[in-house]
Amino acid sequence: MTAAVGILLNALLVFVPFLAGAFRLVPLTLVQWVIVLCASFAVFPLGELYKALARLAERRPRRVAKAPLSAAGTFRTRKRRIRLHGNSR
């Protein structure tokens, strides 16, 4: 509903001479239309590039930072200690 009201108001501004004059609206030149169209269509390739980069980032394995070792040759996880190199401690 809101979009329809916005479109109607824009149409009134453009097609009713009194309103067009009050807002000092003038027709666009051919060069201005080309600029508008190029800027409008630039959104599509940029959006596709963003999605392609996002898919690429999801496929790459993420590097996990290693936990620092303690003096006993173990490192702590949230739930338990993990022993490295067969230490018997």
N, C-alpha and C. Protein backbone atom coordinates (compact mmCIF):
# COMPACT_ATOMS: atom_id res chain seq x y z
N MET A 1 0.83 -1.19 0.00
CA MET A 1 0.00 0.00 0.00
C MET A 1 0.87 1.25 0.00
N THR A 2 1.91 1.27 0.84
CA THR A 2 2.77 2.44 0.93
C THR A 2 3.50 2.68 -0.39
N ALA A 3 3.95 1.61 -1.05
CA ALA A 3 4.63 1.76 -2.33
C ALA A 3 3.68 2.34 -3.37
N ALA A 4 2.43 1.91 -3.37
CA ALA A 4 1.45 2.43 -4.33
C ALA A 4 1.21 3.92 -4.12
N VAL A 5 1.15 4.35 -2.88
CA VAL A 5 0.97 5.78 -2.58
C VAL A 5 2.18 6.57 -3.07
N GLY A 6 3.38 6.03 -2.86
CA GLY A 6 4.59 6.72 -3.32
C GLY A 6 4.64 6.85 -4.83
N ILE A 7 4.26 5.79 -5.52
CA ILE A 7 4.23 5.83 -6.99
C ILE A 7 3.19 6.84 -7.47
N LEU A 8 2.03 6.85 -6.85
CA LEU A 8 0.98 7.80 -7.22
C LEU A 8 1.44 9.24 -7.01
N LEU A 9 2.08 9.52 -5.89
CA LEU A 9 2.56 10.88 -5.64
C LEU A 9 3.63 11.29 -6.65
N ASN A 10 4.52 10.37 -7.00
CA ASN A 10 5.53 10.69 -8.01
C ASN A 10 4.88 10.96 -9.36
N ALA A 11 3.90 10.16 -9.74
CA ALA A 11 3.21 10.37 -11.01
C ALA A 11 2.50 11.72 -11.02
N LEU A 12 1.88 12.09 -9.91
CA LEU A 12 1.22 13.39 -9.83
C LEU A 12 2.22 14.53 -9.99
N LEU A 13 3.37 14.41 -9.37
CA LEU A 13 4.39 15.46 -9.48
C LEU A 13 4.87 15.61 -10.92
N VAL A 14 5.00 14.53 -11.62
CA VAL A 14 5.53 14.58 -12.98
C VAL A 14 4.47 15.04 -13.98
N PHE A 15 3.24 14.56 -13.86
CA PHE A 15 2.25 14.78 -14.91
C PHE A 15 1.31 15.96 -14.68
N VAL A 16 1.19 16.47 -13.47
CA VAL A 16 0.35 17.64 -13.22
C VAL A 16 1.23 18.88 -13.35
N PRO A 17 0.97 19.72 -14.36
CA PRO A 17 1.87 20.85 -14.65
C PRO A 17 2.07 21.79 -13.45
N PHE A 18 1.01 22.05 -12.68
CA PHE A 18 1.15 22.96 -11.54
C PHE A 18 2.13 22.40 -10.50
N LEU A 19 2.02 21.11 -10.21
CA LEU A 19 2.92 20.48 -9.23
C LEU A 19 4.35 20.39 -9.77
N ALA A 20 4.49 20.08 -11.05
CA ALA A 20 5.82 20.00 -11.65
C ALA A 20 6.51 21.36 -11.60
N GLY A 21 5.75 22.42 -11.86
CA GLY A 21 6.32 23.77 -11.79
C GLY A 21 6.65 24.18 -10.37
N ALA A 22 5.83 23.78 -9.41
CA ALA A 22 6.06 24.13 -8.01
C ALA A 22 7.34 23.47 -7.50
N PHE A 23 7.64 22.28 -7.98
CA PHE A 23 8.86 21.58 -7.55
C PHE A 23 10.01 21.76 -8.54
N ARG A 24 9.79 22.59 -9.56
CA ARG A 24 10.81 22.89 -10.58
C ARG A 24 11.36 21.62 -11.23
N LEU A 25 10.48 20.73 -11.60
CA LEU A 25 10.89 19.50 -12.27
C LEU A 25 11.10 19.78 -13.75
N VAL A 26 12.15 19.23 -14.30
CA VAL A 26 12.44 19.35 -15.73
C VAL A 26 12.73 17.97 -16.28
N PRO A 27 12.52 17.75 -17.59
CA PRO A 27 12.82 16.44 -18.17
C PRO A 27 14.33 16.16 -18.16
N LEU A 28 14.70 14.89 -18.03
CA LEU A 28 16.10 14.51 -18.07
C LEU A 28 16.59 14.47 -19.51
N THR A 29 17.87 14.81 -19.69
CA THR A 29 18.48 14.70 -21.01
C THR A 29 18.87 13.25 -21.26
N LEU A 30 19.28 12.94 -22.49
CA LEU A 30 19.68 11.58 -22.81
C LEU A 30 20.90 11.16 -22.00
N VAL A 31 21.84 12.05 -21.82
CA VAL A 31 23.04 11.73 -21.02
C VAL A 31 22.66 11.43 -19.57
N GLN A 32 21.74 12.19 -19.03
CA GLN A 32 21.30 11.96 -17.65
C GLN A 32 20.59 10.62 -17.52
N TRP A 33 19.78 10.23 -18.53
CA TRP A 33 19.12 8.94 -18.50
C TRP A 33 20.13 7.80 -18.56
N VAL A 34 21.19 7.97 -19.37
CA VAL A 34 22.22 6.93 -19.45
C VAL A 34 22.90 6.78 -18.10
N ILE A 35 23.18 7.87 -17.42
CA ILE A 35 23.81 7.83 -16.10
C ILE A 35 22.89 7.10 -15.10
N VAL A 36 21.61 7.43 -15.13
CA VAL A 36 20.64 6.80 -14.23
C VAL A 36 20.57 5.29 -14.49
N LEU A 37 20.50 4.90 -15.76
CA LEU A 37 20.40 3.47 -16.09
C LEU A 37 21.67 2.72 -15.70
N CYS A 38 22.84 3.31 -15.97
CA CYS A 38 24.10 2.65 -15.60
C CYS A 38 24.21 2.48 -14.08
N ALA A 39 23.84 3.50 -13.34
CA ALA A 39 23.90 3.41 -11.89
C ALA A 39 22.90 2.38 -11.37
N SER A 40 21.73 2.29 -12.01
CA SER A 40 20.71 1.33 -11.57
C SER A 40 21.15 -0.10 -11.84
N PHE A 41 21.69 -0.36 -13.03
CA PHE A 41 22.08 -1.72 -13.38
C PHE A 41 23.40 -2.14 -12.75
N ALA A 42 24.16 -1.22 -12.20
CA ALA A 42 25.42 -1.58 -11.54
C ALA A 42 25.17 -2.38 -10.27
N VAL A 43 23.98 -2.28 -9.73
CA VAL A 43 23.65 -2.99 -8.50
C VAL A 43 23.67 -4.50 -8.72
N PHE A 44 23.22 -4.97 -9.87
CA PHE A 44 23.12 -6.41 -10.13
C PHE A 44 24.49 -7.09 -10.15
N PRO A 45 25.46 -6.62 -10.96
CA PRO A 45 26.76 -7.30 -10.94
C PRO A 45 27.46 -7.20 -9.60
N LEU A 46 27.30 -6.08 -8.91
CA LEU A 46 27.93 -5.95 -7.60
C LEU A 46 27.30 -6.92 -6.60
N GLY A 47 26.01 -7.12 -6.67
CA GLY A 47 25.34 -8.08 -5.79
C GLY A 47 25.78 -9.51 -6.09
N GLU A 48 25.92 -9.83 -7.37
CA GLU A 48 26.37 -11.17 -7.75
C GLU A 48 27.82 -11.40 -7.32
N LEU A 49 28.66 -10.38 -7.45
CA LEU A 49 30.05 -10.49 -7.00
C LEU A 49 30.10 -10.72 -5.49
N TYR A 50 29.29 -10.01 -4.74
CA TYR A 50 29.24 -10.19 -3.29
C TYR A 50 28.82 -11.62 -2.93
N LYS A 51 27.79 -12.14 -3.61
CA LYS A 51 27.33 -13.50 -3.32
C LYS A 51 28.40 -14.54 -3.68
N ALA A 52 29.10 -14.32 -4.80
CA ALA A 52 30.16 -15.26 -5.20
C ALA A 52 31.29 -15.26 -4.18
N LEU A 53 31.68 -14.09 -3.70
CA LEU A 53 32.74 -14.02 -2.69
C LEU A 53 32.29 -14.64 -1.38
N ALA A 54 31.02 -14.47 -1.03
CA ALA A 54 30.50 -15.07 0.20
C ALA A 54 30.51 -16.60 0.09
N ARG A 55 30.13 -17.14 -1.07
CA ARG A 55 30.16 -18.60 -1.26
C ARG A 55 31.59 -19.12 -1.20
N LEU A 56 32.53 -18.37 -1.78
CA LEU A 56 33.93 -18.76 -1.76
C LEU A 56 34.46 -18.78 -0.33
N ALA A 57 34.08 -17.79 0.45
CA ALA A 57 34.54 -17.73 1.85
C ALA A 57 33.96 -18.87 2.67
N GLU A 58 32.75 -19.32 2.35
CA GLU A 58 32.15 -20.44 3.09
C GLU A 58 32.84 -21.76 2.78
N ARG A 59 33.35 -21.92 1.55
CA ARG A 59 33.99 -23.17 1.16
C ARG A 59 35.39 -23.31 1.70
N ARG A 60 36.07 -22.20 1.96
CA ARG A 60 37.45 -22.27 2.44
C ARG A 60 37.48 -22.78 3.87
N PRO A 61 38.37 -23.71 4.17
CA PRO A 61 38.46 -24.15 5.57
C PRO A 61 39.04 -23.04 6.43
N ARG A 62 38.48 -22.90 7.58
CA ARG A 62 38.95 -21.84 8.48
C ARG A 62 40.09 -22.36 9.33
N ARG A 63 41.07 -21.53 9.54
CA ARG A 63 42.18 -21.91 10.40
C ARG A 63 41.79 -21.68 11.85
N VAL A 64 42.06 -22.68 12.65
CA VAL A 64 41.74 -22.58 14.07
C VAL A 64 43.03 -22.30 14.81
N ALA A 65 43.00 -21.30 15.65
CA ALA A 65 44.18 -20.96 16.42
C ALA A 65 44.46 -22.07 17.43
N LYS A 66 45.71 -22.43 17.54
CA LYS A 66 46.09 -23.46 18.50
C LYS A 66 46.16 -22.87 19.89
N ALA A 67 45.72 -23.66 20.84
CA ALA A 67 45.77 -23.23 22.23
C ALA A 67 47.21 -23.29 22.72
N PRO A 68 47.62 -22.35 23.54
CA PRO A 68 48.99 -22.38 24.05
C PRO A 68 49.22 -23.59 24.95
N LEU A 69 50.39 -24.17 24.83
CA LEU A 69 50.74 -25.34 25.64
C LEU A 69 51.18 -24.90 27.02
N SER A 70 50.86 -25.75 27.99
CA SER A 70 51.36 -25.49 29.33
C SER A 70 52.73 -26.14 29.48
N ALA A 71 53.37 -25.98 30.60
CA ALA A 71 54.69 -26.56 30.83
C ALA A 71 54.64 -28.08 30.86
N ALA A 72 53.50 -28.64 31.16
CA ALA A 72 53.37 -30.10 31.25
C ALA A 72 53.11 -30.74 29.89
N GLY A 73 53.09 -29.95 28.83
CA GLY A 73 52.85 -30.50 27.51
C GLY A 73 51.38 -30.78 27.23
N THR A 74 50.51 -30.07 27.89
CA THR A 74 49.08 -30.25 27.66
C THR A 74 48.48 -28.89 27.31
N PHE A 75 47.33 -28.93 26.77
CA PHE A 75 46.59 -27.68 26.60
C PHE A 75 45.18 -27.90 27.09
N ARG A 76 44.58 -26.86 27.54
CA ARG A 76 43.25 -26.96 28.13
C ARG A 76 42.17 -26.72 27.08
N THR A 77 41.12 -27.50 27.16
CA THR A 77 39.91 -27.23 26.41
C THR A 77 38.87 -26.84 27.45
N ARG A 78 37.69 -26.58 27.03
CA ARG A 78 36.67 -26.16 27.99
C ARG A 78 36.31 -27.25 28.98
N LYS A 79 36.36 -28.51 28.55
CA LYS A 79 35.88 -29.58 29.41
C LYS A 79 36.97 -30.47 29.97
N ARG A 80 38.10 -30.59 29.28
CA ARG A 80 39.11 -31.53 29.77
C ARG A 80 40.49 -31.12 29.29
N ARG A 81 41.49 -31.78 29.87
CA ARG A 81 42.87 -31.58 29.44
C ARG A 81 43.21 -32.63 28.40
N ILE A 82 43.98 -32.24 27.41
CA ILE A 82 44.43 -33.19 26.40
C ILE A 82 45.94 -33.29 26.52
N ARG A 83 46.44 -34.53 26.64
CA ARG A 83 47.88 -34.74 26.78
C ARG A 83 48.50 -34.93 25.40
N LEU A 84 49.66 -34.32 25.23
CA LEU A 84 50.40 -34.43 23.98
C LEU A 84 51.67 -35.21 24.18
N HIS A 85 52.18 -35.85 23.16
CA HIS A 85 53.46 -36.53 23.13
C HIS A 85 53.56 -37.66 24.14
N GLY A 86 52.47 -38.25 24.52
CA GLY A 86 52.48 -39.40 25.38
C GLY A 86 52.99 -39.14 26.79
N ASN A 87 52.85 -37.93 27.28
CA ASN A 87 53.25 -37.65 28.66
C ASN A 87 52.38 -38.44 29.62
N SER A 88 52.98 -38.97 30.66
CA SER A 88 52.21 -39.78 31.61
C SER A 88 51.69 -38.98 32.77
N ARG A 89 51.91 -37.72 32.81
CA ARG A 89 51.43 -36.91 33.92
C ARG A 89 49.97 -36.72 33.92
